[in-house]
Amino acid sequence: LVGLPAGYQMTSFITAMQAVAFQGSALEAKTRIQLHGLQQEVKLELIT
């Protein structure tokens, strides 16, 4: 998280902690299958 996660993005911070602790298990099964075969590096930048 780049910047101070305030306002609605405090929820994003909590979401980040949950995602990491649960190892991404909140993803849909189809998404996990598709990402399992990913070999290239991907950088996702969400501006909010």
All heavy atoms as atom14 arrays in JSON, in Angstrom:
{
  "sequence": "LVGLPAGYQMTSFITAMQAVAFQGSALEAKTRIQLHGLQQEVKLELIT",
  "atom14_mask": [
    [1, 1, 1, 1, 1, 1, 1, 1, 0, 0, 0, 0, 0, 0],
    [1, 1, 1, 1, 1, 1, 1, 0, 0, 0, 0, 0, 0, 0],
    [1, 1, 1, 1, 0, 0, 0, 0, 0, 0, 0, 0, 0, 0],
    [1, 1, 1, 1, 1, 1, 1, 1, 0, 0, 0, 0, 0, 0],
    [1, 1, 1, 1, 1, 1, 1, 0, 0, 0, 0, 0, 0, 0],
    [1, 1, 1, 1, 1, 0, 0, 0, 0, 0, 0, 0, 0, 0],
    [1, 1, 1, 1, 0, 0, 0, 0, 0, 0, 0, 0, 0, 0],
    [1, 1, 1, 1, 1, 1, 1, 1, 1, 1, 1, 1, 0, 0],
    [1, 1, 1, 1, 1, 1, 1, 1, 1, 0, 0, 0, 0, 0],
    [1, 1, 1, 1, 1, 1, 1, 1, 0, 0, 0, 0, 0, 0],
    [1, 1, 1, 1, 1, 1, 1, 0, 0, 0, 0, 0, 0, 0],
    [1, 1, 1, 1, 1, 1, 0, 0, 0, 0, 0, 0, 0, 0],
    [1, 1, 1, 1, 1, 1, 1, 1, 1, 1, 1, 0, 0, 0],
    [1, 1, 1, 1, 1, 1, 1, 1, 0, 0, 0, 0, 0, 0],
    [1, 1, 1, 1, 1, 1, 1, 0, 0, 0, 0, 0, 0, 0],
    [1, 1, 1, 1, 1, 0, 0, 0, 0, 0, 0, 0, 0, 0],
    [1, 1, 1, 1, 1, 1, 1, 1, 0, 0, 0, 0, 0, 0],
    [1, 1, 1, 1, 1, 1, 1, 1, 1, 0, 0, 0, 0, 0],
    [1, 1, 1, 1, 1, 0, 0, 0, 0, 0, 0, 0, 0, 0],
    [1, 1, 1, 1, 1, 1, 1, 0, 0, 0, 0, 0, 0, 0],
    [1, 1, 1, 1, 1, 0, 0, 0, 0, 0, 0, 0, 0, 0],
    [1, 1, 1, 1, 1, 1, 1, 1, 1, 1, 1, 0, 0, 0],
    [1, 1, 1, 1, 1, 1, 1, 1, 1, 0, 0, 0, 0, 0],
    [1, 1, 1, 1, 0, 0, 0, 0, 0, 0, 0, 0, 0, 0],
    [1, 1, 1, 1, 1, 1, 0, 0, 0, 0, 0, 0, 0, 0],
    [1, 1, 1, 1, 1, 0, 0, 0, 0, 0, 0, 0, 0, 0],
    [1, 1, 1, 1, 1, 1, 1, 1, 0, 0, 0, 0, 0, 0],
    [1, 1, 1, 1, 1, 1, 1, 1, 1, 0, 0, 0, 0, 0],
    [1, 1, 1, 1, 1, 0, 0, 0, 0, 0, 0, 0, 0, 0],
    [1, 1, 1, 1, 1, 1, 1, 1, 1, 0, 0, 0, 0, 0],
    [1, 1, 1, 1, 1, 1, 1, 0, 0, 0, 0, 0, 0, 0],
    [1, 1, 1, 1, 1, 1, 1, 1, 1, 1, 1, 0, 0, 0],
    [1, 1, 1, 1, 1, 1, 1, 1, 0, 0, 0, 0, 0, 0],
    [1, 1, 1, 1, 1, 1, 1, 1, 1, 0, 0, 0, 0, 0],
    [1, 1, 1, 1, 1, 1, 1, 1, 0, 0, 0, 0, 0, 0],
    [1, 1, 1, 1, 1, 1, 1, 1, 1, 1, 0, 0, 0, 0],
    [1, 1, 1, 1, 0, 0, 0, 0, 0, 0, 0, 0, 0, 0],
    [1, 1, 1, 1, 1, 1, 1, 1, 0, 0, 0, 0, 0, 0],
    [1, 1, 1, 1, 1, 1, 1, 1, 1, 0, 0, 0, 0, 0],
    [1, 1, 1, 1, 1, 1, 1, 1, 1, 0, 0, 0, 0, 0],
    [1, 1, 1, 1, 1, 1, 1, 1, 1, 0, 0, 0, 0, 0],
    [1, 1, 1, 1, 1, 1, 1, 0, 0, 0, 0, 0, 0, 0],
    [1, 1, 1, 1, 1, 1, 1, 1, 1, 0, 0, 0, 0, 0],
    [1, 1, 1, 1, 1, 1, 1, 1, 0, 0, 0, 0, 0, 0],
    [1, 1, 1, 1, 1, 1, 1, 1, 1, 0, 0, 0, 0, 0],
    [1, 1, 1, 1, 1, 1, 1, 1, 0, 0, 0, 0, 0, 0],
    [1, 1, 1, 1, 1, 1, 1, 1, 0, 0, 0, 0, 0, 0],
    [1, 1, 1, 1, 1, 1, 1, 0, 0, 0, 0, 0, 0, 0]
  ],
  "atom14_positions": [
    [[0.88, -1.17, 0.0], [0.0, 0.0, 0.0], [0.91, 1.22, 0.0], [1.77, 1.35, 0.88], [-0.93, 0.02, 1.21], [-1.95, -1.15, 1.26], [-1.43, -2.27, 2.15], [-3.3, -0.66, 1.74], [0.0, 0.0, 0.0], [0.0, 0.0, 0.0], [0.0, 0.0, 0.0], [0.0, 0.0, 0.0], [0.0, 0.0, 0.0], [0.0, 0.0, 0.0]],
    [[0.74, 2.08, -0.98], [1.6, 3.24, -1.16], [0.81, 4.48, -0.75], [-0.15, 4.85, -1.39], [2.08, 3.36, -2.62], [3.05, 4.53, -2.76], [2.74, 2.06, -3.07], [0.0, 0.0, 0.0], [0.0, 0.0, 0.0], [0.0, 0.0, 0.0], [0.0, 0.0, 0.0], [0.0, 0.0, 0.0], [0.0, 0.0, 0.0], [0.0, 0.0, 0.0]],
    [[1.25, 5.09, 0.36], [0.5, 6.19, 0.94], [-0.19, 5.74, 2.22], [-0.18, 4.56, 2.57], [0.0, 0.0, 0.0], [0.0, 0.0, 0.0], [0.0, 0.0, 0.0], [0.0, 0.0, 0.0], [0.0, 0.0, 0.0], [0.0, 0.0, 0.0], [0.0, 0.0, 0.0], [0.0, 0.0, 0.0], [0.0, 0.0, 0.0], [0.0, 0.0, 0.0]],
    [[-0.78, 6.68, 2.92], [-1.48, 6.38, 4.18], [-2.87, 5.84, 3.87], [-3.69, 6.54, 3.27], [-1.57, 7.64, 5.03], [-2.31, 7.5, 6.36], [-1.58, 6.56, 7.3], [-2.5, 8.87, 7.01], [0.0, 0.0, 0.0], [0.0, 0.0, 0.0], [0.0, 0.0, 0.0], [0.0, 0.0, 0.0], [0.0, 0.0, 0.0], [0.0, 0.0, 0.0]],
    [[-3.19, 4.59, 4.26], [-4.5, 4.03, 3.96], [-5.58, 4.57, 4.91], [-5.87, 3.99, 5.96], [-4.29, 2.53, 4.16], [-3.19, 2.44, 5.17], [-2.3, 3.62, 4.91], [0.0, 0.0, 0.0], [0.0, 0.0, 0.0], [0.0, 0.0, 0.0], [0.0, 0.0, 0.0], [0.0, 0.0, 0.0], [0.0, 0.0, 0.0], [0.0, 0.0, 0.0]],
    [[-6.15, 5.68, 4.52], [-7.17, 6.34, 5.34], [-8.51, 6.27, 4.62], [-8.61, 5.84, 3.48], [-6.78, 7.79, 5.61], [0.0, 0.0, 0.0], [0.0, 0.0, 0.0], [0.0, 0.0, 0.0], [0.0, 0.0, 0.0], [0.0, 0.0, 0.0], [0.0, 0.0, 0.0], [0.0, 0.0, 0.0], [0.0, 0.0, 0.0], [0.0, 0.0, 0.0]],
    [[-9.56, 6.7, 5.32], [-10.89, 6.71, 4.71], [-11.3, 5.31, 4.28], [-11.1, 4.33, 4.99], [0.0, 0.0, 0.0], [0.0, 0.0, 0.0], [0.0, 0.0, 0.0], [0.0, 0.0, 0.0], [0.0, 0.0, 0.0], [0.0, 0.0, 0.0], [0.0, 0.0, 0.0], [0.0, 0.0, 0.0], [0.0, 0.0, 0.0], [0.0, 0.0, 0.0]],
    [[-11.87, 5.22, 3.07], [-12.32, 3.91, 2.58], [-11.15, 2.95, 2.39], [-11.34, 1.73, 2.4], [-13.06, 4.08, 1.26], [-14.45, 4.66, 1.42], [-14.76, 5.93, 0.95], [-15.46, 3.93, 2.05], [-16.03, 6.46, 1.1], [-16.74, 4.45, 2.21], [-17.02, 5.72, 1.72], [-18.28, 6.25, 1.88], [0.0, 0.0, 0.0], [0.0, 0.0, 0.0]],
    [[-9.94, 3.47, 2.22], [-8.8, 2.58, 1.96], [-8.27, 1.92, 3.24], [-7.41, 1.05, 3.16], [-7.7, 3.31, 1.21], [-8.16, 3.94, -0.1], [-9.27, 3.17, -0.82], [-9.2, 1.96, -1.01], [-10.31, 3.89, -1.24], [0.0, 0.0, 0.0], [0.0, 0.0, 0.0], [0.0, 0.0, 0.0], [0.0, 0.0, 0.0], [0.0, 0.0, 0.0]],
    [[-8.79, 2.3, 4.38], [-8.51, 1.51, 5.58], [-9.12, 0.12, 5.42], [-8.54, -0.88, 5.85], [-9.07, 2.21, 6.82], [-8.69, 1.52, 8.13], [-6.89, 1.49, 8.37], [-6.74, 0.06, 9.43], [0.0, 0.0, 0.0], [0.0, 0.0, 0.0], [0.0, 0.0, 0.0], [0.0, 0.0, 0.0], [0.0, 0.0, 0.0], [0.0, 0.0, 0.0]],
    [[-10.28, 0.06, 4.77], [-10.87, -1.24, 4.46], [-9.96, -2.04, 3.53], [-9.8, -3.25, 3.68], [-12.25, -1.05, 3.81], [-13.11, -0.36, 4.71], [-12.88, -2.39, 3.44], [0.0, 0.0, 0.0], [0.0, 0.0, 0.0], [0.0, 0.0, 0.0], [0.0, 0.0, 0.0], [0.0, 0.0, 0.0], [0.0, 0.0, 0.0], [0.0, 0.0, 0.0]],
    [[-9.33, -1.34, 2.57], [-8.39, -2.02, 1.67], [-7.2, -2.58, 2.44], [-6.68, -3.65, 2.1], [-7.9, -1.04, 0.59], [-8.96, -0.63, -0.24], [0.0, 0.0, 0.0], [0.0, 0.0, 0.0], [0.0, 0.0, 0.0], [0.0, 0.0, 0.0], [0.0, 0.0, 0.0], [0.0, 0.0, 0.0], [0.0, 0.0, 0.0], [0.0, 0.0, 0.0]],
    [[-6.75, -1.87, 3.46], [-5.63, -2.34, 4.29], [-6.02, -3.62, 5.03], [-5.27, -4.6, 5.05], [-5.22, -1.24, 5.25], [-4.0, -1.53, 6.08], [-3.03, -2.42, 5.66], [-3.8, -0.89, 7.31], [-1.9, -2.69, 6.42], [-2.68, -1.13, 8.07], [-1.73, -2.04, 7.64], [0.0, 0.0, 0.0], [0.0, 0.0, 0.0], [0.0, 0.0, 0.0]],
    [[-7.21, -3.63, 5.61], [-7.7, -4.84, 6.29], [-7.82, -5.98, 5.28], [-7.43, -7.13, 5.56], [-9.06, -4.57, 6.95], [-8.95, -3.46, 8.0], [-9.62, -5.86, 7.57], [-8.05, -3.76, 9.15], [0.0, 0.0, 0.0], [0.0, 0.0, 0.0], [0.0, 0.0, 0.0], [0.0, 0.0, 0.0], [0.0, 0.0, 0.0], [0.0, 0.0, 0.0]],
    [[-8.31, -5.66, 4.08], [-8.43, -6.66, 3.02], [-7.07, -7.23, 2.66], [-6.92, -8.44, 2.42], [-9.09, -6.03, 1.79], [-10.42, -5.65, 2.11], [-9.12, -7.0, 0.61], [0.0, 0.0, 0.0], [0.0, 0.0, 0.0], [0.0, 0.0, 0.0], [0.0, 0.0, 0.0], [0.0, 0.0, 0.0], [0.0, 0.0, 0.0], [0.0, 0.0, 0.0]],
    [[-6.05, -6.37, 2.6], [-4.69, -6.82, 2.29], [-4.2, -7.82, 3.34], [-3.62, -8.87, 2.99], [-3.74, -5.63, 2.21], [0.0, 0.0, 0.0], [0.0, 0.0, 0.0], [0.0, 0.0, 0.0], [0.0, 0.0, 0.0], [0.0, 0.0, 0.0], [0.0, 0.0, 0.0], [0.0, 0.0, 0.0], [0.0, 0.0, 0.0], [0.0, 0.0, 0.0]],
    [[-4.42, -7.52, 4.61], [-3.99, -8.42, 5.67], [-4.71, -9.76, 5.58], [-4.1, -10.83, 5.72], [-4.21, -7.76, 7.04], [-3.26, -6.61, 7.31], [-3.28, -6.03, 9.03], [-4.71, -4.95, 8.98], [0.0, 0.0, 0.0], [0.0, 0.0, 0.0], [0.0, 0.0, 0.0], [0.0, 0.0, 0.0], [0.0, 0.0, 0.0], [0.0, 0.0, 0.0]],
    [[-6.01, -9.72, 5.3], [-6.76, -10.97, 5.2], [-6.31, -11.79, 3.99], [-6.16, -13.01, 4.08], [-8.25, -10.66, 5.11], [-8.82, -10.08, 6.4], [-10.31, -9.77, 6.28], [-10.77, -9.31, 5.24], [-11.05, -10.01, 7.35], [0.0, 0.0, 0.0], [0.0, 0.0, 0.0], [0.0, 0.0, 0.0], [0.0, 0.0, 0.0], [0.0, 0.0, 0.0]],
    [[-6.08, -11.11, 2.86], [-5.65, -11.82, 1.65], [-4.33, -12.55, 1.88], [-4.16, -13.71, 1.49], [-5.52, -10.83, 0.49], [0.0, 0.0, 0.0], [0.0, 0.0, 0.0], [0.0, 0.0, 0.0], [0.0, 0.0, 0.0], [0.0, 0.0, 0.0], [0.0, 0.0, 0.0], [0.0, 0.0, 0.0], [0.0, 0.0, 0.0], [0.0, 0.0, 0.0]],
    [[-3.38, -11.87, 2.52], [-2.06, -12.46, 2.76], [-2.17, -13.62, 3.75], [-1.6, -14.7, 3.53], [-1.07, -11.39, 3.26], [0.26, -12.03, 3.67], [-0.83, -10.34, 2.17], [0.0, 0.0, 0.0], [0.0, 0.0, 0.0], [0.0, 0.0, 0.0], [0.0, 0.0, 0.0], [0.0, 0.0, 0.0], [0.0, 0.0, 0.0], [0.0, 0.0, 0.0]],
    [[-2.9, -13.42, 4.83], [-3.0, -14.46, 5.86], [-3.72, -15.7, 5.34], [-3.36, -16.83, 5.69], [-3.72, -13.91, 7.09], [0.0, 0.0, 0.0], [0.0, 0.0, 0.0], [0.0, 0.0, 0.0], [0.0, 0.0, 0.0], [0.0, 0.0, 0.0], [0.0, 0.0, 0.0], [0.0, 0.0, 0.0], [0.0, 0.0, 0.0], [0.0, 0.0, 0.0]],
    [[-4.73, -15.5, 4.48], [-5.49, -16.63, 3.94], [-4.94, -17.13, 2.61], [-5.56, -17.98, 1.96], [-6.96, -16.24, 3.79], [-7.74, -16.23, 5.08], [-7.94, -15.05, 5.78], [-8.27, -17.4, 5.6], [-8.65, -15.03, 6.97], [-8.98, -17.39, 6.79], [-9.17, -16.2, 7.48], [0.0, 0.0, 0.0], [0.0, 0.0, 0.0], [0.0, 0.0, 0.0]],
    [[-3.78, -16.59, 2.2], [-3.07, -17.05, 1.0], [-3.92, -16.98, -0.27], [-3.84, -17.84, -1.15], [-2.52, -18.46, 1.2], [-1.58, -18.55, 2.4], [-0.93, -19.92, 2.54], [-0.59, -20.56, 1.55], [-0.76, -20.37, 3.76], [0.0, 0.0, 0.0], [0.0, 0.0, 0.0], [0.0, 0.0, 0.0], [0.0, 0.0, 0.0], [0.0, 0.0, 0.0]],
    [[-4.74, -15.92, -0.35], [-5.52, -15.71, -1.55], [-6.69, -16.65, -1.74], [-7.24, -16.77, -2.83], [0.0, 0.0, 0.0], [0.0, 0.0, 0.0], [0.0, 0.0, 0.0], [0.0, 0.0, 0.0], [0.0, 0.0, 0.0], [0.0, 0.0, 0.0], [0.0, 0.0, 0.0], [0.0, 0.0, 0.0], [0.0, 0.0, 0.0], [0.0, 0.0, 0.0]],
    [[-7.12, -17.31, -0.67], [-8.17, -18.32, -0.79], [-9.55, -17.72, -1.08], [-10.47, -18.46, -1.42], [-8.24, -19.16, 0.49], [-8.58, -18.36, 1.6], [0.0, 0.0, 0.0], [0.0, 0.0, 0.0], [0.0, 0.0, 0.0], [0.0, 0.0, 0.0], [0.0, 0.0, 0.0], [0.0, 0.0, 0.0], [0.0, 0.0, 0.0], [0.0, 0.0, 0.0]],
    [[-9.69, -16.39, -1.0], [-10.97, -15.77, -1.31], [-11.23, -15.7, -2.82], [-12.34, -15.37, -3.24], [-11.03, -14.35, -0.72], [0.0, 0.0, 0.0], [0.0, 0.0, 0.0], [0.0, 0.0, 0.0], [0.0, 0.0, 0.0], [0.0, 0.0, 0.0], [0.0, 0.0, 0.0], [0.0, 0.0, 0.0], [0.0, 0.0, 0.0], [0.0, 0.0, 0.0]],
    [[-10.23, -16.0, -3.62], [-10.42, -16.0, -5.08], [-11.37, -17.11, -5.49], [-11.43, -18.18, -4.87], [-9.09, -16.2, -5.8], [-8.06, -15.07, -5.72], [-6.75, -15.54, -6.34], [-8.56, -13.81, -6.41], [0.0, 0.0, 0.0], [0.0, 0.0, 0.0], [0.0, 0.0, 0.0], [0.0, 0.0, 0.0], [0.0, 0.0, 0.0], [0.0, 0.0, 0.0]],
    [[-12.07, -16.87, -6.58], [-12.92, -17.91, -7.14], [-12.05, -19.08, -7.62], [-10.9, -18.9, -8.02], [-13.72, -17.36, -8.32], [-14.69, -16.24, -7.93], [-15.34, -15.59, -9.13], [-15.11, -16.07, -10.27], [-16.08, -14.61, -8.94], [0.0, 0.0, 0.0], [0.0, 0.0, 0.0], [0.0, 0.0, 0.0], [0.0, 0.0, 0.0], [0.0, 0.0, 0.0]],
    [[-12.6, -20.27, -7.6], [-11.85, -21.47, -8.0], [-11.34, -21.34, -9.43], [-10.19, -21.72, -9.73], [-12.74, -22.71, -7.85], [0.0, 0.0, 0.0], [0.0, 0.0, 0.0], [0.0, 0.0, 0.0], [0.0, 0.0, 0.0], [0.0, 0.0, 0.0], [0.0, 0.0, 0.0], [0.0, 0.0, 0.0], [0.0, 0.0, 0.0], [0.0, 0.0, 0.0]],
    [[-12.16, -20.82, -10.33], [-11.75, -20.65, -11.72], [-10.53, -19.73, -11.82], [-9.6, -19.99, -12.6], [-12.91, -20.1, -12.55], [-12.57, -19.9, -14.01], [-13.76, -19.34, -14.78], [-13.41, -19.08, -16.24], [-14.56, -18.51, -16.99], [0.0, 0.0, 0.0], [0.0, 0.0, 0.0], [0.0, 0.0, 0.0], [0.0, 0.0, 0.0], [0.0, 0.0, 0.0]],
    [[-10.53, -18.65, -11.03], [-9.41, -17.71, -11.05], [-8.13, -18.38, -10.57], [-7.06, -18.21, -11.17], [-9.72, -16.49, -10.16], [-10.92, -15.86, -10.64], [-8.58, -15.49, -10.19], [0.0, 0.0, 0.0], [0.0, 0.0, 0.0], [0.0, 0.0, 0.0], [0.0, 0.0, 0.0], [0.0, 0.0, 0.0], [0.0, 0.0, 0.0], [0.0, 0.0, 0.0]],
    [[-8.22, -19.17, -9.52], [-7.03, -19.87, -9.0], [-6.46, -20.83, -10.04], [-5.24, -20.94, -10.2], [-7.37, -20.6, -7.7], [-7.72, -19.65, -6.54], [-7.6, -20.36, -5.2], [-8.51, -21.48, -5.08], [-9.77, -21.4, -4.65], [-10.27, -20.22, -4.3], [-10.52, -22.48, -4.55], [0.0, 0.0, 0.0], [0.0, 0.0, 0.0], [0.0, 0.0, 0.0]],
    [[-7.33, -21.53, -10.75], [-6.88, -22.46, -11.79], [-6.16, -21.7, -12.9], [-5.09, -22.1, -13.37], [-8.08, -23.25, -12.36], [-8.63, -24.2, -11.29], [-7.67, -24.03, -13.6], [-9.95, -24.85, -11.67], [0.0, 0.0, 0.0], [0.0, 0.0, 0.0], [0.0, 0.0, 0.0], [0.0, 0.0, 0.0], [0.0, 0.0, 0.0], [0.0, 0.0, 0.0]],
    [[-6.74, -20.57, -13.32], [-6.13, -19.79, -14.41], [-4.79, -19.2, -13.98], [-3.83, -19.19, -14.77], [-7.09, -18.68, -14.84], [-8.34, -19.19, -15.55], [-9.36, -18.11, -15.79], [-9.61, -17.25, -14.93], [-9.98, -18.13, -16.95], [0.0, 0.0, 0.0], [0.0, 0.0, 0.0], [0.0, 0.0, 0.0], [0.0, 0.0, 0.0], [0.0, 0.0, 0.0]],
    [[-4.69, -18.73, -12.76], [-3.45, -18.11, -12.29], [-2.38, -19.15, -11.97], [-1.19, -18.81, -11.96], [-3.71, -17.25, -11.05], [-4.57, -16.0, -11.27], [-4.73, -15.24, -9.96], [-3.96, -15.08, -12.33], [0.0, 0.0, 0.0], [0.0, 0.0, 0.0], [0.0, 0.0, 0.0], [0.0, 0.0, 0.0], [0.0, 0.0, 0.0], [0.0, 0.0, 0.0]],
    [[-2.79, -20.36, -11.73], [-1.83, -21.41, -11.38], [-0.81, -21.64, -12.49], [0.36, -21.96, -12.23], [-2.55, -22.72, -11.07], [-1.64, -23.8, -10.57], [-1.06, -23.77, -9.32], [-1.19, -24.95, -11.18], [-0.3, -24.83, -9.16], [-0.36, -25.56, -10.28], [0.0, 0.0, 0.0], [0.0, 0.0, 0.0], [0.0, 0.0, 0.0], [0.0, 0.0, 0.0]],
    [[-1.25, -21.44, -13.73], [-0.35, -21.66, -14.86], [0.44, -20.42, -15.26], [1.23, -20.48, -16.21], [0.0, 0.0, 0.0], [0.0, 0.0, 0.0], [0.0, 0.0, 0.0], [0.0, 0.0, 0.0], [0.0, 0.0, 0.0], [0.0, 0.0, 0.0], [0.0, 0.0, 0.0], [0.0, 0.0, 0.0], [0.0, 0.0, 0.0], [0.0, 0.0, 0.0]],
    [[0.28, -19.32, -14.55], [0.99, -18.08, -14.9], [2.48, -18.23, -14.64], [2.9, -18.63, -13.55], [0.42, -16.92, -14.08], [1.0, -15.54, -14.33], [0.62, -15.04, -15.72], [0.5, -14.54, -13.26], [0.0, 0.0, 0.0], [0.0, 0.0, 0.0], [0.0, 0.0, 0.0], [0.0, 0.0, 0.0], [0.0, 0.0, 0.0], [0.0, 0.0, 0.0]],
    [[3.29, -17.88, -15.63], [4.74, -17.96, -15.49], [5.43, -16.6, -15.62], [6.55, -16.43, -15.15], [5.32, -18.92, -16.55], [4.84, -20.36, -16.41], [5.21, -20.98, -15.07], [6.32, -20.79, -14.57], [4.27, -21.7, -14.47], [0.0, 0.0, 0.0], [0.0, 0.0, 0.0], [0.0, 0.0, 0.0], [0.0, 0.0, 0.0], [0.0, 0.0, 0.0]],
    [[4.77, -15.63, -16.25], [5.36, -14.31, -16.43], [5.08, -13.41, -15.22], [4.12, -13.62, -14.48], [4.8, -13.65, -17.69], [5.13, -14.38, -18.98], [4.08, -15.41, -19.35], [3.26, -15.81, -18.52], [4.1, -15.85, -20.6], [0.0, 0.0, 0.0], [0.0, 0.0, 0.0], [0.0, 0.0, 0.0], [0.0, 0.0, 0.0], [0.0, 0.0, 0.0]],
    [[5.96, -12.42, -15.04], [5.79, -11.49, -13.93], [4.71, -10.46, -14.25], [4.66, -9.93, -15.36], [7.12, -10.78, -13.63], [8.24, -11.73, -13.22], [7.87, -12.56, -12.01], [7.46, -11.98, -10.99], [8.0, -13.79, -12.08], [0.0, 0.0, 0.0], [0.0, 0.0, 0.0], [0.0, 0.0, 0.0], [0.0, 0.0, 0.0], [0.0, 0.0, 0.0]],
    [[3.86, -10.19, -13.26], [2.75, -9.25, -13.44], [2.77, -8.23, -12.31], [2.89, -8.6, -11.13], [1.39, -10.0, -13.44], [0.22, -9.01, -13.47], [1.31, -10.94, -14.63], [0.0, 0.0, 0.0], [0.0, 0.0, 0.0], [0.0, 0.0, 0.0], [0.0, 0.0, 0.0], [0.0, 0.0, 0.0], [0.0, 0.0, 0.0], [0.0, 0.0, 0.0]],
    [[2.63, -6.97, -12.68], [2.55, -5.89, -11.71], [1.19, -5.21, -11.83], [0.87, -4.63, -12.87], [3.67, -4.87, -11.94], [3.71, -3.74, -10.91], [4.88, -2.81, -11.21], [4.99, -1.69, -10.17], [6.14, -0.78, -10.46], [0.0, 0.0, 0.0], [0.0, 0.0, 0.0], [0.0, 0.0, 0.0], [0.0, 0.0, 0.0], [0.0, 0.0, 0.0]],
    [[0.4, -5.29, -10.78], [-0.91, -4.66, -10.73], [-0.82, -3.4, -9.88], [-0.39, -3.47, -8.72], [-1.95, -5.61, -10.13], [-2.12, -6.97, -10.83], [-3.1, -7.84, -10.05], [-2.6, -6.78, -12.26], [0.0, 0.0, 0.0], [0.0, 0.0, 0.0], [0.0, 0.0, 0.0], [0.0, 0.0, 0.0], [0.0, 0.0, 0.0], [0.0, 0.0, 0.0]],
    [[-1.2, -2.26, -10.45], [-1.19, -1.0, -9.72], [-2.6, -0.42, -9.69], [-3.15, -0.05, -10.73], [-0.24, 0.0, -10.38], [1.22, -0.43, -10.33], [2.11, 0.51, -11.1], [2.14, 0.4, -12.35], [2.77, 1.36, -10.48], [0.0, 0.0, 0.0], [0.0, 0.0, 0.0], [0.0, 0.0, 0.0], [0.0, 0.0, 0.0], [0.0, 0.0, 0.0]],
    [[-3.18, -0.36, -8.51], [-4.52, 0.17, -8.32], [-4.42, 1.59, -7.77], [-3.92, 1.8, -6.68], [-5.33, -0.7, -7.36], [-6.74, -0.21, -7.02], [-7.62, -0.21, -8.26], [-7.35, -1.05, -5.91], [0.0, 0.0, 0.0], [0.0, 0.0, 0.0], [0.0, 0.0, 0.0], [0.0, 0.0, 0.0], [0.0, 0.0, 0.0], [0.0, 0.0, 0.0]],
    [[-4.89, 2.55, -8.55], [-4.86, 3.94, -8.11], [-6.24, 4.31, -7.61], [-7.25, 4.17, -8.32], [-4.42, 4.87, -9.26], [-3.04, 4.42, -9.78], [-4.35, 6.32, -8.79], [-2.56, 5.18, -10.99], [0.0, 0.0, 0.0], [0.0, 0.0, 0.0], [0.0, 0.0, 0.0], [0.0, 0.0, 0.0], [0.0, 0.0, 0.0], [0.0, 0.0, 0.0]],
    [[-6.3, 4.76, -6.38], [-7.57, 5.06, -5.74], [-7.39, 6.29, -4.84], [-6.43, 7.03, -4.99], [-8.09, 3.83, -4.95], [-9.37, 4.12, -4.39], [-7.12, 3.42, -3.87], [0.0, 0.0, 0.0], [0.0, 0.0, 0.0], [0.0, 0.0, 0.0], [0.0, 0.0, 0.0], [0.0, 0.0, 0.0], [0.0, 0.0, 0.0], [0.0, 0.0, 0.0]]
  ]
}
